[in-house]
Amino acid sequence: MVNLQLQGDSLNLIKTKSILSAFLARVKLMKQNIGRGEFSQFPNLSQTSCQEDDDVSTYVQHLNALYSDFESRFEDILTMVIPPWINNPYGDIEETNVIIQEELTELSTN
């Protein structure tokens, strides 16, 4: 699913970061749930009555490796800082710098 989301002409870095962050959050949640023995995200595993600790440990290790691999491969995108005004250009003006507010007020009156 992530593969399909990362394709297309309308994709940009902001959307890419959002898709990757959501995927990593899902992997982290899966890892936590499997570690606790909750297999509801995996229907085939939840149908199995008994899971051995070694198997569960292997699943958690695999998800850890997947998480680490994605973090290292996409480190530049995941650590990219996106200013709030880009995501919400009409957001709260009170958060902007006071000097910029003064300059905008001055420009709007001239």
N, C-alpha and C. Protein backbone atom coordinates (compact mmCIF):
# COMPACT_ATOMS: atom_id res chain seq x y z
N MET A 1 0.82 -1.18 0.00
CA MET A 1 0.00 0.00 0.00
C MET A 1 0.88 1.26 0.00
N VAL A 2 1.93 1.27 0.78
CA VAL A 2 2.83 2.42 0.83
C VAL A 2 3.46 2.63 -0.54
N ASN A 3 3.79 1.54 -1.21
CA ASN A 3 4.39 1.62 -2.53
C ASN A 3 3.48 2.38 -3.48
N LEU A 4 2.20 2.08 -3.48
CA LEU A 4 1.26 2.77 -4.37
C LEU A 4 1.07 4.22 -3.97
N GLN A 5 1.08 4.50 -2.69
CA GLN A 5 0.90 5.87 -2.22
C GLN A 5 2.09 6.75 -2.59
N LEU A 6 3.27 6.15 -2.72
CA LEU A 6 4.47 6.92 -3.04
C LEU A 6 4.68 7.06 -4.54
N GLN A 7 3.67 6.77 -5.32
CA GLN A 7 3.75 6.93 -6.77
C GLN A 7 2.74 7.98 -7.21
N GLY A 8 3.00 8.59 -8.35
CA GLY A 8 2.03 9.52 -8.91
C GLY A 8 2.62 10.89 -9.12
N ASP A 9 1.92 11.66 -9.94
CA ASP A 9 2.39 12.99 -10.29
C ASP A 9 2.13 14.03 -9.21
N SER A 10 1.12 13.83 -8.39
CA SER A 10 0.75 14.84 -7.39
C SER A 10 1.53 14.69 -6.09
N LEU A 11 2.50 13.80 -6.05
CA LEU A 11 3.26 13.56 -4.83
C LEU A 11 4.31 14.64 -4.63
N ASN A 12 4.45 15.11 -3.41
CA ASN A 12 5.50 16.06 -3.06
C ASN A 12 6.16 15.60 -1.76
N LEU A 13 7.16 16.33 -1.30
CA LEU A 13 7.90 15.92 -0.11
C LEU A 13 7.04 15.92 1.15
N ILE A 14 6.11 16.85 1.23
CA ILE A 14 5.26 16.92 2.41
C ILE A 14 4.36 15.69 2.49
N LYS A 15 3.75 15.32 1.37
CA LYS A 15 2.91 14.12 1.34
C LYS A 15 3.75 12.87 1.59
N THR A 16 4.96 12.84 1.02
CA THR A 16 5.85 11.70 1.22
C THR A 16 6.17 11.52 2.69
N LYS A 17 6.50 12.61 3.37
CA LYS A 17 6.80 12.53 4.80
C LYS A 17 5.59 12.03 5.58
N SER A 18 4.43 12.51 5.23
CA SER A 18 3.21 12.09 5.91
C SER A 18 2.94 10.60 5.72
N ILE A 19 3.11 10.11 4.50
CA ILE A 19 2.88 8.69 4.20
C ILE A 19 3.87 7.82 4.96
N LEU A 20 5.15 8.21 4.93
CA LEU A 20 6.18 7.42 5.61
C LEU A 20 6.00 7.44 7.13
N SER A 21 5.66 8.60 7.67
CA SER A 21 5.44 8.70 9.12
C SER A 21 4.26 7.83 9.55
N ALA A 22 3.20 7.83 8.76
CA ALA A 22 2.04 7.01 9.08
C ALA A 22 2.39 5.52 9.01
N PHE A 23 3.17 5.14 8.01
CA PHE A 23 3.58 3.74 7.89
C PHE A 23 4.42 3.31 9.08
N LEU A 24 5.37 4.14 9.47
CA LEU A 24 6.22 3.80 10.62
C LEU A 24 5.41 3.73 11.91
N ALA A 25 4.41 4.59 12.04
CA ALA A 25 3.55 4.53 13.23
C ALA A 25 2.76 3.22 13.25
N ARG A 26 2.29 2.77 12.07
CA ARG A 26 1.57 1.50 12.01
C ARG A 26 2.49 0.33 12.35
N VAL A 27 3.72 0.36 11.85
CA VAL A 27 4.68 -0.71 12.15
C VAL A 27 4.96 -0.75 13.65
N LYS A 28 5.13 0.41 14.25
CA LYS A 28 5.39 0.48 15.69
C LYS A 28 4.20 -0.07 16.49
N LEU A 29 2.99 0.26 16.06
CA LEU A 29 1.79 -0.25 16.72
C LEU A 29 1.69 -1.76 16.58
N MET A 30 1.98 -2.26 15.38
CA MET A 30 1.96 -3.71 15.16
C MET A 30 2.95 -4.41 16.07
N LYS A 31 4.14 -3.83 16.17
CA LYS A 31 5.19 -4.42 17.01
C LYS A 31 4.74 -4.48 18.47
N GLN A 32 4.15 -3.41 18.96
CA GLN A 32 3.68 -3.38 20.34
C GLN A 32 2.57 -4.40 20.57
N ASN A 33 1.63 -4.46 19.62
CA ASN A 33 0.52 -5.40 19.77
C ASN A 33 0.98 -6.85 19.74
N ILE A 34 1.86 -7.17 18.81
CA ILE A 34 2.37 -8.55 18.74
C ILE A 34 3.15 -8.89 20.00
N GLY A 35 3.94 -7.94 20.50
CA GLY A 35 4.69 -8.17 21.73
C GLY A 35 3.79 -8.48 22.92
N ARG A 36 2.58 -7.93 22.92
CA ARG A 36 1.61 -8.19 23.99
C ARG A 36 0.74 -9.40 23.70
N GLY A 37 0.92 -9.99 22.53
CA GLY A 37 0.13 -11.16 22.18
C GLY A 37 -1.21 -10.84 21.55
N GLU A 38 -1.37 -9.61 21.10
CA GLU A 38 -2.60 -9.20 20.42
C GLU A 38 -2.37 -9.30 18.92
N PHE A 39 -3.11 -10.19 18.27
CA PHE A 39 -2.90 -10.45 16.84
C PHE A 39 -4.08 -10.00 15.99
N SER A 40 -4.88 -9.07 16.48
CA SER A 40 -6.08 -8.65 15.75
C SER A 40 -5.75 -7.99 14.41
N GLN A 41 -4.57 -7.41 14.27
CA GLN A 41 -4.17 -6.80 13.00
C GLN A 41 -3.75 -7.84 11.98
N PHE A 42 -3.55 -9.06 12.43
CA PHE A 42 -3.12 -10.16 11.57
C PHE A 42 -4.15 -11.28 11.68
N PRO A 43 -5.14 -11.29 10.80
CA PRO A 43 -6.23 -12.28 10.92
C PRO A 43 -5.76 -13.73 10.93
N ASN A 44 -4.77 -14.07 10.13
CA ASN A 44 -4.30 -15.46 10.10
C ASN A 44 -3.66 -15.86 11.43
N LEU A 45 -2.94 -14.94 12.05
CA LEU A 45 -2.34 -15.24 13.35
C LEU A 45 -3.38 -15.29 14.45
N SER A 46 -4.39 -14.44 14.36
CA SER A 46 -5.41 -14.43 15.41
C SER A 46 -6.26 -15.68 15.38
N GLN A 47 -6.36 -16.34 14.22
CA GLN A 47 -7.12 -17.59 14.13
C GLN A 47 -6.37 -18.76 14.75
N THR A 48 -5.05 -18.64 14.83
CA THR A 48 -4.24 -19.69 15.43
C THR A 48 -4.41 -19.62 16.94
N SER A 49 -4.66 -20.73 17.56
CA SER A 49 -4.97 -20.74 18.99
C SER A 49 -3.75 -20.52 19.87
N CYS A 50 -2.59 -21.00 19.44
CA CYS A 50 -1.42 -20.93 20.31
C CYS A 50 -0.23 -20.39 19.52
N GLN A 51 0.40 -19.38 20.07
CA GLN A 51 1.60 -18.82 19.46
C GLN A 51 2.77 -19.08 20.40
N GLU A 52 3.82 -19.63 19.85
CA GLU A 52 5.02 -19.87 20.66
C GLU A 52 5.79 -18.58 20.84
N ASP A 53 6.46 -18.47 21.98
CA ASP A 53 7.22 -17.26 22.29
C ASP A 53 8.32 -17.01 21.27
N ASP A 54 8.93 -18.08 20.76
CA ASP A 54 9.98 -17.92 19.76
C ASP A 54 9.43 -17.30 18.49
N ASP A 55 8.24 -17.73 18.09
CA ASP A 55 7.62 -17.18 16.89
C ASP A 55 7.30 -15.70 17.08
N VAL A 56 6.72 -15.37 18.22
CA VAL A 56 6.37 -13.98 18.51
C VAL A 56 7.63 -13.13 18.53
N SER A 57 8.68 -13.63 19.12
CA SER A 57 9.96 -12.91 19.16
C SER A 57 10.50 -12.68 17.75
N THR A 58 10.35 -13.67 16.89
CA THR A 58 10.80 -13.53 15.50
C THR A 58 10.00 -12.45 14.78
N TYR A 59 8.69 -12.41 15.01
CA TYR A 59 7.84 -11.40 14.38
C TYR A 59 8.24 -10.00 14.84
N VAL A 60 8.48 -9.86 16.13
CA VAL A 60 8.87 -8.56 16.68
C VAL A 60 10.22 -8.14 16.13
N GLN A 61 11.16 -9.07 16.04
CA GLN A 61 12.48 -8.75 15.47
C GLN A 61 12.36 -8.31 14.02
N HIS A 62 11.50 -8.98 13.27
CA HIS A 62 11.31 -8.61 11.87
C HIS A 62 10.74 -7.19 11.76
N LEU A 63 9.76 -6.88 12.59
CA LEU A 63 9.17 -5.54 12.56
C LEU A 63 10.18 -4.49 13.02
N ASN A 64 11.03 -4.84 13.99
CA ASN A 64 12.10 -3.92 14.40
C ASN A 64 13.05 -3.64 13.25
N ALA A 65 13.42 -4.70 12.52
CA ALA A 65 14.32 -4.54 11.37
C ALA A 65 13.67 -3.69 10.28
N LEU A 66 12.39 -3.93 10.03
CA LEU A 66 11.67 -3.15 9.02
C LEU A 66 11.61 -1.69 9.41
N TYR A 67 11.30 -1.42 10.67
CA TYR A 67 11.23 -0.05 11.18
C TYR A 67 12.59 0.65 11.05
N SER A 68 13.64 -0.02 11.48
CA SER A 68 14.99 0.56 11.41
C SER A 68 15.42 0.80 9.97
N ASP A 69 15.10 -0.14 9.08
CA ASP A 69 15.46 0.00 7.68
C ASP A 69 14.77 1.21 7.06
N PHE A 70 13.48 1.37 7.31
CA PHE A 70 12.76 2.52 6.76
C PHE A 70 13.28 3.83 7.34
N GLU A 71 13.56 3.82 8.65
CA GLU A 71 14.09 5.04 9.28
C GLU A 71 15.42 5.45 8.66
N SER A 72 16.29 4.50 8.40
CA SER A 72 17.60 4.85 7.85
C SER A 72 17.50 5.22 6.37
N ARG A 73 16.67 4.53 5.61
CA ARG A 73 16.53 4.82 4.18
C ARG A 73 15.91 6.19 3.93
N PHE A 74 14.96 6.56 4.75
CA PHE A 74 14.22 7.81 4.53
C PHE A 74 14.50 8.84 5.62
N GLU A 75 15.69 8.77 6.20
CA GLU A 75 16.05 9.67 7.29
C GLU A 75 15.93 11.13 6.87
N ASP A 76 16.40 11.45 5.66
CA ASP A 76 16.37 12.83 5.21
C ASP A 76 14.95 13.37 5.09
N ILE A 77 14.03 12.55 4.66
CA ILE A 77 12.64 12.99 4.54
C ILE A 77 11.96 13.04 5.90
N LEU A 78 12.20 12.04 6.73
CA LEU A 78 11.54 11.96 8.03
C LEU A 78 12.00 13.04 8.99
N THR A 79 13.23 13.51 8.85
CA THR A 79 13.74 14.56 9.75
C THR A 79 13.51 15.96 9.19
N MET A 80 12.93 16.03 8.01
CA MET A 80 12.67 17.32 7.38
C MET A 80 11.66 18.10 8.23
N VAL A 81 11.97 19.36 8.51
CA VAL A 81 11.09 20.20 9.31
C VAL A 81 10.19 20.99 8.36
N ILE A 82 8.90 20.82 8.54
CA ILE A 82 7.93 21.52 7.70
C ILE A 82 7.29 22.61 8.56
N PRO A 83 7.49 23.87 8.20
CA PRO A 83 6.89 24.95 8.99
C PRO A 83 5.36 24.82 9.03
N PRO A 84 4.76 25.16 10.15
CA PRO A 84 3.30 25.02 10.28
C PRO A 84 2.51 25.81 9.25
N TRP A 85 3.04 26.94 8.81
CA TRP A 85 2.29 27.75 7.86
C TRP A 85 2.18 27.09 6.49
N ILE A 86 3.03 26.11 6.21
CA ILE A 86 2.92 25.39 4.94
C ILE A 86 1.74 24.43 4.98
N ASN A 87 1.58 23.72 6.07
CA ASN A 87 0.46 22.80 6.21
C ASN A 87 -0.87 23.52 6.39
N ASN A 88 -0.83 24.65 7.05
CA ASN A 88 -2.04 25.42 7.32
C ASN A 88 -1.77 26.90 7.07
N PRO A 89 -1.81 27.33 5.80
CA PRO A 89 -1.43 28.71 5.48
C PRO A 89 -2.38 29.75 6.07
N TYR A 90 -3.59 29.36 6.41
CA TYR A 90 -4.55 30.30 6.96
C TYR A 90 -4.74 30.08 8.45
N GLY A 91 -3.73 29.51 9.07
CA GLY A 91 -3.80 29.19 10.50
C GLY A 91 -3.72 30.42 11.37
N ASP A 92 -3.48 30.17 12.63
CA ASP A 92 -3.45 31.21 13.65
C ASP A 92 -2.33 32.20 13.38
N ILE A 93 -2.69 33.43 13.15
CA ILE A 93 -1.70 34.46 12.86
C ILE A 93 -0.92 34.86 14.11
N GLU A 94 -1.44 34.54 15.27
CA GLU A 94 -0.76 34.88 16.53
C GLU A 94 0.56 34.13 16.69
N GLU A 95 0.71 33.02 15.99
CA GLU A 95 1.94 32.24 16.11
C GLU A 95 3.09 32.85 15.32
N THR A 96 2.81 33.75 14.42
CA THR A 96 3.86 34.31 13.59
C THR A 96 4.70 35.31 14.38
N ASN A 97 5.83 35.59 13.85
CA ASN A 97 6.77 36.50 14.47
C ASN A 97 6.18 37.91 14.56
N VAL A 98 6.37 38.59 15.67
CA VAL A 98 5.82 39.93 15.89
C VAL A 98 6.39 40.91 14.88
N ILE A 99 7.65 40.79 14.56
CA ILE A 99 8.28 41.70 13.60
C ILE A 99 7.63 41.55 12.23
N ILE A 100 7.37 40.33 11.85
CA ILE A 100 6.72 40.09 10.56
C ILE A 100 5.31 40.65 10.58
N GLN A 101 4.61 40.52 11.69
CA GLN A 101 3.26 41.09 11.79
C GLN A 101 3.30 42.60 11.62
N GLU A 102 4.28 43.25 12.24
CA GLU A 102 4.40 44.70 12.12
C GLU A 102 4.68 45.10 10.68
N GLU A 103 5.57 44.36 10.01
CA GLU A 103 5.89 44.67 8.63
C GLU A 103 4.68 44.48 7.72
N LEU A 104 3.92 43.43 7.96
CA LEU A 104 2.72 43.20 7.16
C LEU A 104 1.68 44.29 7.39
N THR A 105 1.54 44.73 8.62
CA THR A 105 0.61 45.81 8.92
C THR A 105 1.04 47.09 8.22
N GLU A 106 2.32 47.37 8.27
CA GLU A 106 2.85 48.57 7.61
C GLU A 106 2.65 48.49 6.10
N LEU A 107 2.92 47.35 5.52
CA LEU A 107 2.74 47.18 4.08
C LEU A 107 1.27 47.30 3.67
N SER A 108 0.38 46.81 4.49
CA SER A 108 -1.03 46.84 4.13
C SER A 108 -1.62 48.24 4.22
N THR A 109 -1.01 49.12 5.00
CA THR A 109 -1.52 50.49 5.12
C THR A 109 -0.89 51.43 4.12
N ASN A 110 0.15 51.02 3.44
CA ASN A 110 0.81 51.88 2.44
C ASN A 110 0.23 51.68 1.07
